[in-house]
Structures are given as structure tokens and as C-alpha cells.
N, C-alpha and C. Protein backbone atom coordinates (compact mmCIF):
# COMPACT_ATOMS: atom_id res chain seq x y z
N UNK A 1 -26.05 80.92 20.59
CA UNK A 1 -26.58 80.41 19.35
C UNK A 1 -26.38 78.89 19.30
N UNK A 2 -27.47 78.16 19.22
CA UNK A 2 -27.41 76.71 19.14
C UNK A 2 -27.08 76.30 17.71
N UNK A 3 -26.11 75.43 17.59
CA UNK A 3 -25.72 74.93 16.28
C UNK A 3 -25.43 73.44 16.34
N UNK A 4 -25.83 72.75 15.29
CA UNK A 4 -25.44 71.38 15.02
C UNK A 4 -24.93 71.35 13.59
N UNK A 5 -23.69 70.98 13.42
CA UNK A 5 -23.06 71.02 12.12
C UNK A 5 -22.59 69.63 11.74
N UNK A 6 -23.21 69.08 10.71
CA UNK A 6 -22.85 67.76 10.21
C UNK A 6 -21.73 67.86 9.18
N UNK A 7 -20.94 66.80 9.10
CA UNK A 7 -19.91 66.71 8.09
C UNK A 7 -19.63 65.24 7.82
N UNK A 8 -18.88 64.98 6.77
CA UNK A 8 -18.46 63.62 6.46
C UNK A 8 -19.23 62.94 5.35
N UNK A 9 -20.27 63.59 4.85
CA UNK A 9 -21.01 63.00 3.75
C UNK A 9 -20.21 63.04 2.47
N UNK A 10 -20.73 62.34 1.48
CA UNK A 10 -20.06 62.29 0.20
C UNK A 10 -20.56 61.13 -0.62
N UNK A 11 -19.75 60.74 -1.59
CA UNK A 11 -20.09 59.65 -2.49
C UNK A 11 -19.35 58.38 -2.08
N UNK A 12 -20.10 57.30 -1.99
CA UNK A 12 -19.52 56.00 -1.69
C UNK A 12 -20.09 54.96 -2.63
N UNK A 13 -19.31 53.93 -2.88
CA UNK A 13 -19.79 52.81 -3.67
C UNK A 13 -20.51 51.81 -2.77
N UNK A 14 -21.41 51.01 -3.34
CA UNK A 14 -22.04 49.96 -2.54
C UNK A 14 -20.98 49.10 -1.85
N UNK A 15 -21.19 48.86 -0.57
CA UNK A 15 -20.23 48.13 0.22
C UNK A 15 -19.20 49.00 0.89
N UNK A 16 -19.17 50.27 0.54
CA UNK A 16 -18.21 51.18 1.11
C UNK A 16 -18.64 51.72 2.46
N UNK A 17 -17.82 52.62 2.99
CA UNK A 17 -18.05 53.18 4.32
C UNK A 17 -17.88 54.68 4.32
N UNK A 18 -18.60 55.31 5.21
CA UNK A 18 -18.45 56.73 5.50
C UNK A 18 -18.64 56.93 6.99
N UNK A 19 -18.02 57.96 7.51
CA UNK A 19 -18.21 58.33 8.91
C UNK A 19 -18.69 59.76 8.99
N UNK A 20 -19.90 59.93 9.50
CA UNK A 20 -20.47 61.25 9.67
C UNK A 20 -20.16 61.78 11.06
N UNK A 21 -19.98 63.08 11.15
CA UNK A 21 -19.78 63.75 12.42
C UNK A 21 -20.77 64.88 12.56
N UNK A 22 -21.13 65.17 13.79
CA UNK A 22 -21.99 66.30 14.08
C UNK A 22 -21.49 66.97 15.34
N UNK A 23 -21.12 68.22 15.22
CA UNK A 23 -20.59 68.98 16.34
C UNK A 23 -21.65 69.95 16.84
N UNK A 24 -21.94 69.88 18.12
CA UNK A 24 -22.93 70.75 18.73
C UNK A 24 -22.27 71.88 19.50
N UNK A 25 -22.95 73.01 19.55
CA UNK A 25 -22.47 74.14 20.31
C UNK A 25 -23.66 75.00 20.75
N UNK A 26 -23.46 75.77 21.79
CA UNK A 26 -24.49 76.67 22.26
C UNK A 26 -25.51 76.04 23.19
N UNK A 27 -25.28 74.81 23.60
CA UNK A 27 -26.18 74.13 24.52
C UNK A 27 -25.38 73.07 25.27
N UNK A 28 -25.91 72.61 26.42
CA UNK A 28 -25.17 71.60 27.21
C UNK A 28 -25.27 70.23 26.55
N UNK A 29 -24.32 69.96 25.70
CA UNK A 29 -24.35 68.77 24.86
C UNK A 29 -24.54 67.50 25.67
N UNK A 30 -23.87 67.38 26.79
CA UNK A 30 -23.89 66.14 27.55
C UNK A 30 -25.21 65.86 28.24
N UNK A 31 -26.14 66.81 28.22
CA UNK A 31 -27.47 66.61 28.78
C UNK A 31 -28.49 66.19 27.72
N UNK A 32 -28.06 66.08 26.48
CA UNK A 32 -28.96 65.81 25.38
C UNK A 32 -28.73 64.44 24.78
N UNK A 33 -29.84 63.75 24.51
CA UNK A 33 -29.77 62.57 23.67
C UNK A 33 -29.52 63.03 22.24
N UNK A 34 -28.77 62.24 21.51
CA UNK A 34 -28.45 62.58 20.14
C UNK A 34 -28.99 61.52 19.19
N UNK A 35 -29.44 61.97 18.05
CA UNK A 35 -30.01 61.08 17.05
C UNK A 35 -29.51 61.45 15.66
N UNK A 36 -29.54 60.47 14.79
CA UNK A 36 -29.36 60.70 13.37
C UNK A 36 -30.66 60.36 12.65
N UNK A 37 -31.05 61.23 11.75
CA UNK A 37 -32.17 61.02 10.85
C UNK A 37 -31.67 61.13 9.42
N UNK A 38 -32.49 60.66 8.50
CA UNK A 38 -32.15 60.83 7.09
C UNK A 38 -33.41 61.02 6.28
N UNK A 39 -33.25 61.67 5.15
CA UNK A 39 -34.36 61.89 4.24
C UNK A 39 -33.90 61.60 2.82
N UNK A 40 -34.47 60.57 2.24
CA UNK A 40 -34.15 60.19 0.87
C UNK A 40 -35.07 60.93 -0.09
N UNK A 41 -34.67 61.04 -1.35
CA UNK A 41 -35.52 61.73 -2.32
C UNK A 41 -36.92 61.16 -2.38
N UNK A 42 -37.91 62.03 -2.27
CA UNK A 42 -39.30 61.61 -2.37
C UNK A 42 -39.84 60.89 -1.15
N UNK A 43 -39.09 60.85 -0.07
CA UNK A 43 -39.52 60.14 1.12
C UNK A 43 -39.55 61.06 2.33
N UNK A 44 -40.24 60.60 3.36
CA UNK A 44 -40.29 61.33 4.61
C UNK A 44 -38.99 61.14 5.37
N UNK A 45 -38.71 62.08 6.24
CA UNK A 45 -37.55 61.96 7.10
C UNK A 45 -37.75 60.79 8.07
N UNK A 46 -36.73 59.96 8.20
CA UNK A 46 -36.83 58.80 9.05
C UNK A 46 -35.71 58.78 10.08
N UNK A 47 -36.02 58.23 11.22
CA UNK A 47 -35.04 58.07 12.27
C UNK A 47 -34.10 56.92 11.94
N UNK A 48 -32.82 57.11 12.18
CA UNK A 48 -31.81 56.13 11.85
C UNK A 48 -31.20 55.51 13.10
N UNK A 49 -30.76 56.34 14.02
CA UNK A 49 -30.06 55.84 15.20
C UNK A 49 -30.12 56.88 16.30
N UNK A 50 -30.00 56.43 17.53
CA UNK A 50 -30.00 57.32 18.66
C UNK A 50 -29.07 56.83 19.75
N UNK A 51 -28.56 57.76 20.53
CA UNK A 51 -27.68 57.45 21.64
C UNK A 51 -28.05 58.34 22.82
N UNK A 52 -28.10 57.74 23.99
CA UNK A 52 -28.43 58.48 25.20
C UNK A 52 -27.25 59.33 25.64
N UNK A 53 -27.46 60.10 26.70
CA UNK A 53 -26.49 61.12 27.09
C UNK A 53 -25.10 60.56 27.41
N UNK A 54 -25.05 59.39 28.02
CA UNK A 54 -23.77 58.82 28.42
C UNK A 54 -23.05 58.13 27.29
N UNK A 55 -23.76 57.83 26.22
CA UNK A 55 -23.17 57.11 25.11
C UNK A 55 -23.27 55.61 25.22
N UNK A 56 -23.82 55.10 26.32
CA UNK A 56 -23.89 53.67 26.55
C UNK A 56 -25.10 53.05 25.86
N UNK A 57 -26.25 53.71 25.95
CA UNK A 57 -27.50 53.17 25.44
C UNK A 57 -27.70 53.65 24.01
N UNK A 58 -27.69 52.69 23.07
CA UNK A 58 -27.79 53.03 21.66
C UNK A 58 -28.86 52.18 20.99
N UNK A 59 -29.56 52.77 20.03
CA UNK A 59 -30.62 52.08 19.29
C UNK A 59 -30.53 52.43 17.82
N UNK A 60 -31.06 51.51 16.99
CA UNK A 60 -30.95 51.65 15.55
C UNK A 60 -32.25 51.25 14.86
N UNK A 61 -32.49 51.88 13.72
CA UNK A 61 -33.55 51.42 12.85
C UNK A 61 -33.18 50.05 12.28
N UNK A 62 -34.18 49.23 12.03
CA UNK A 62 -33.91 47.89 11.50
C UNK A 62 -33.14 47.94 10.18
N UNK A 63 -33.38 48.97 9.40
CA UNK A 63 -32.76 49.05 8.09
C UNK A 63 -31.24 49.24 8.15
N UNK A 64 -30.73 49.70 9.28
CA UNK A 64 -29.30 49.96 9.39
C UNK A 64 -28.61 49.15 10.47
N UNK A 65 -29.37 48.45 11.27
CA UNK A 65 -28.80 47.69 12.38
C UNK A 65 -27.80 46.66 11.86
N UNK A 66 -26.64 46.62 12.49
CA UNK A 66 -25.58 45.73 12.06
C UNK A 66 -24.63 46.36 11.08
N UNK A 67 -25.01 47.47 10.48
CA UNK A 67 -24.16 48.16 9.52
C UNK A 67 -23.69 49.52 10.03
N UNK A 68 -24.55 50.21 10.76
CA UNK A 68 -24.24 51.55 11.26
C UNK A 68 -23.97 51.50 12.76
N UNK A 69 -23.11 52.39 13.21
CA UNK A 69 -22.81 52.52 14.63
C UNK A 69 -22.83 53.99 15.02
N UNK A 70 -23.65 54.31 16.01
CA UNK A 70 -23.68 55.66 16.54
C UNK A 70 -22.83 55.72 17.80
N UNK A 71 -22.12 56.80 17.97
CA UNK A 71 -21.31 56.99 19.16
C UNK A 71 -21.20 58.48 19.44
N UNK A 72 -20.71 58.81 20.62
CA UNK A 72 -20.56 60.22 20.95
C UNK A 72 -19.33 60.43 21.81
N UNK A 73 -18.80 61.62 21.72
CA UNK A 73 -17.68 62.05 22.54
C UNK A 73 -18.11 63.36 23.19
N UNK A 74 -18.58 63.27 24.42
CA UNK A 74 -19.11 64.45 25.08
C UNK A 74 -18.04 65.52 25.31
N UNK A 75 -16.80 65.10 25.47
CA UNK A 75 -15.72 66.06 25.65
C UNK A 75 -15.52 66.92 24.40
N UNK A 76 -15.92 66.39 23.25
CA UNK A 76 -15.78 67.12 22.00
C UNK A 76 -17.11 67.61 21.46
N UNK A 77 -18.19 67.43 22.23
CA UNK A 77 -19.53 67.82 21.79
C UNK A 77 -19.86 67.28 20.41
N UNK A 78 -19.51 66.03 20.20
CA UNK A 78 -19.63 65.44 18.87
C UNK A 78 -20.33 64.09 18.92
N UNK A 79 -21.22 63.87 17.97
CA UNK A 79 -21.84 62.57 17.77
C UNK A 79 -21.42 62.08 16.39
N UNK A 80 -21.20 60.77 16.28
CA UNK A 80 -20.73 60.17 15.05
C UNK A 80 -21.71 59.13 14.55
N UNK A 81 -21.66 58.89 13.26
CA UNK A 81 -22.38 57.78 12.67
C UNK A 81 -21.43 57.08 11.71
N UNK A 82 -20.94 55.93 12.13
CA UNK A 82 -20.11 55.11 11.27
C UNK A 82 -21.01 54.24 10.41
N UNK A 83 -20.90 54.38 9.11
CA UNK A 83 -21.77 53.68 8.18
C UNK A 83 -20.92 52.72 7.36
N UNK A 84 -21.17 51.44 7.53
CA UNK A 84 -20.46 50.41 6.80
C UNK A 84 -21.40 49.66 5.87
N UNK A 85 -20.82 48.99 4.90
CA UNK A 85 -21.61 48.23 3.93
C UNK A 85 -22.76 49.06 3.38
N UNK A 86 -22.43 50.23 2.91
CA UNK A 86 -23.44 51.14 2.40
C UNK A 86 -24.14 50.58 1.18
N UNK A 87 -25.41 50.89 1.07
CA UNK A 87 -26.23 50.45 -0.03
C UNK A 87 -26.88 51.65 -0.71
N UNK A 88 -27.28 51.50 -1.97
CA UNK A 88 -27.95 52.63 -2.64
C UNK A 88 -29.15 53.16 -1.86
N UNK A 89 -29.85 52.29 -1.14
CA UNK A 89 -30.99 52.74 -0.35
C UNK A 89 -30.61 53.66 0.80
N UNK A 90 -29.32 53.71 1.12
CA UNK A 90 -28.86 54.62 2.17
C UNK A 90 -28.68 56.04 1.66
N UNK A 91 -28.81 56.24 0.37
CA UNK A 91 -28.68 57.58 -0.19
C UNK A 91 -29.73 58.51 0.40
N UNK A 92 -29.27 59.59 0.99
CA UNK A 92 -30.17 60.52 1.66
C UNK A 92 -29.36 61.68 2.19
N UNK A 93 -30.07 62.70 2.63
CA UNK A 93 -29.46 63.74 3.43
C UNK A 93 -29.57 63.30 4.89
N UNK A 94 -28.46 63.31 5.58
CA UNK A 94 -28.42 62.87 6.96
C UNK A 94 -28.36 64.07 7.90
N UNK A 95 -29.22 64.06 8.89
CA UNK A 95 -29.35 65.15 9.85
C UNK A 95 -29.06 64.64 11.26
N UNK A 96 -28.38 65.44 12.04
CA UNK A 96 -28.27 65.13 13.45
C UNK A 96 -29.31 65.92 14.23
N UNK A 97 -29.70 65.35 15.34
CA UNK A 97 -30.79 65.87 16.16
C UNK A 97 -30.39 65.76 17.62
N UNK A 98 -30.68 66.79 18.37
CA UNK A 98 -30.42 66.81 19.81
C UNK A 98 -31.73 66.96 20.54
N UNK A 99 -31.97 66.07 21.49
CA UNK A 99 -33.24 66.06 22.23
C UNK A 99 -32.97 65.90 23.72
N UNK A 100 -33.67 66.71 24.49
CA UNK A 100 -33.60 66.63 25.94
C UNK A 100 -34.97 66.31 26.50
N UNK A 101 -35.03 65.31 27.36
CA UNK A 101 -36.30 64.93 27.97
C UNK A 101 -36.92 66.12 28.69
N UNK A 102 -38.21 66.32 28.46
CA UNK A 102 -38.92 67.43 29.07
C UNK A 102 -38.97 68.68 28.20
N UNK A 103 -38.23 68.68 27.11
CA UNK A 103 -38.25 69.79 26.18
C UNK A 103 -38.94 69.38 24.89
N UNK A 104 -39.66 70.31 24.31
CA UNK A 104 -40.35 70.08 23.04
C UNK A 104 -39.68 70.82 21.90
N UNK A 105 -38.42 71.13 22.09
CA UNK A 105 -37.68 71.92 21.12
C UNK A 105 -36.39 71.22 20.72
N UNK A 106 -36.49 70.12 19.98
CA UNK A 106 -35.25 69.47 19.53
C UNK A 106 -34.48 70.36 18.58
N UNK A 107 -33.18 70.19 18.58
CA UNK A 107 -32.32 70.94 17.69
C UNK A 107 -31.97 70.09 16.48
N UNK A 108 -31.83 70.75 15.34
CA UNK A 108 -31.53 70.07 14.08
C UNK A 108 -30.35 70.72 13.39
N UNK A 109 -29.54 69.89 12.76
CA UNK A 109 -28.50 70.40 11.90
C UNK A 109 -29.01 70.64 10.50
N UNK A 110 -28.14 71.12 9.64
CA UNK A 110 -28.51 71.44 8.27
C UNK A 110 -28.47 70.23 7.35
N UNK A 111 -27.78 69.19 7.74
CA UNK A 111 -27.73 67.97 6.97
C UNK A 111 -26.47 67.85 6.13
N UNK A 112 -26.11 66.62 5.83
CA UNK A 112 -25.00 66.32 4.95
C UNK A 112 -25.43 65.23 3.98
N UNK A 113 -25.09 65.41 2.72
CA UNK A 113 -25.54 64.50 1.68
C UNK A 113 -24.69 63.24 1.64
N UNK A 114 -25.35 62.10 1.62
CA UNK A 114 -24.69 60.81 1.41
C UNK A 114 -25.27 60.19 0.15
N UNK A 115 -24.41 59.87 -0.79
CA UNK A 115 -24.83 59.25 -2.03
C UNK A 115 -24.08 57.94 -2.20
N UNK A 116 -24.83 56.87 -2.40
CA UNK A 116 -24.25 55.55 -2.59
C UNK A 116 -24.62 55.08 -3.99
N UNK A 117 -23.63 54.94 -4.82
CA UNK A 117 -23.87 54.60 -6.22
C UNK A 117 -22.64 53.95 -6.81
N UNK A 118 -22.86 53.03 -7.72
CA UNK A 118 -21.77 52.40 -8.44
C UNK A 118 -21.52 53.08 -9.78
């Protein structure tokens, strides 16, 4: 059974920080690129950040670059999203995604709510 389980969401004030985690199981985690997506109320799901299998190659959406950091620990089958200087616009449900080149079946977690409000 393939699972991606996000955690770490919650309420933060503007300028605050949260660290999201996503633990994968049921698939060879170290062969998959990992991504974070988010979906804000009334908006489409958008890509936030991605990291390649080794954890070295990382990319970010312009809206979060310089504030968010994606990382992974393959020994723990876990991908992280460190979110600093949070803004109300970051309020969304955050989803982790696992993708393997050559496959058309990415895996998705259930999401974790992040709310940024004063």
C-alpha cells in the first residue's frame, strides 16, 4: 500500500515558521522525485517546490523562493518543507507528491492545512 502522510501544518502568524514533513511508504522512496504542492481557497493546486532523488537538485516556485527550503532524508523516507517568513498568501492545504520518471502515476498525500493569520 503506497502512502504519503503529511504533518506539521497548523496556525502561524505572519513572519512565523513551520516545518512540514511527509513520510512515504510502500514504494522505493529513493527512486522518486519529491514535490510539495499547495491549494489555497478558491484557487487551483500549484507547485511549490521539488527535490530530485539524491536531494541535491532543488527548485522552487518564485512565490516561495528564499523563504521555503525543501529537503529529504532517504534513510527515513521523508521529505521536508521548511517554511520561513510565512505570509497570509501561504495559507493553503499543502500536499506532498512523489514522481518517478517514466511513470504516469504520481503519488499524493492527503494534505496538511497551513493557516497564516494575525
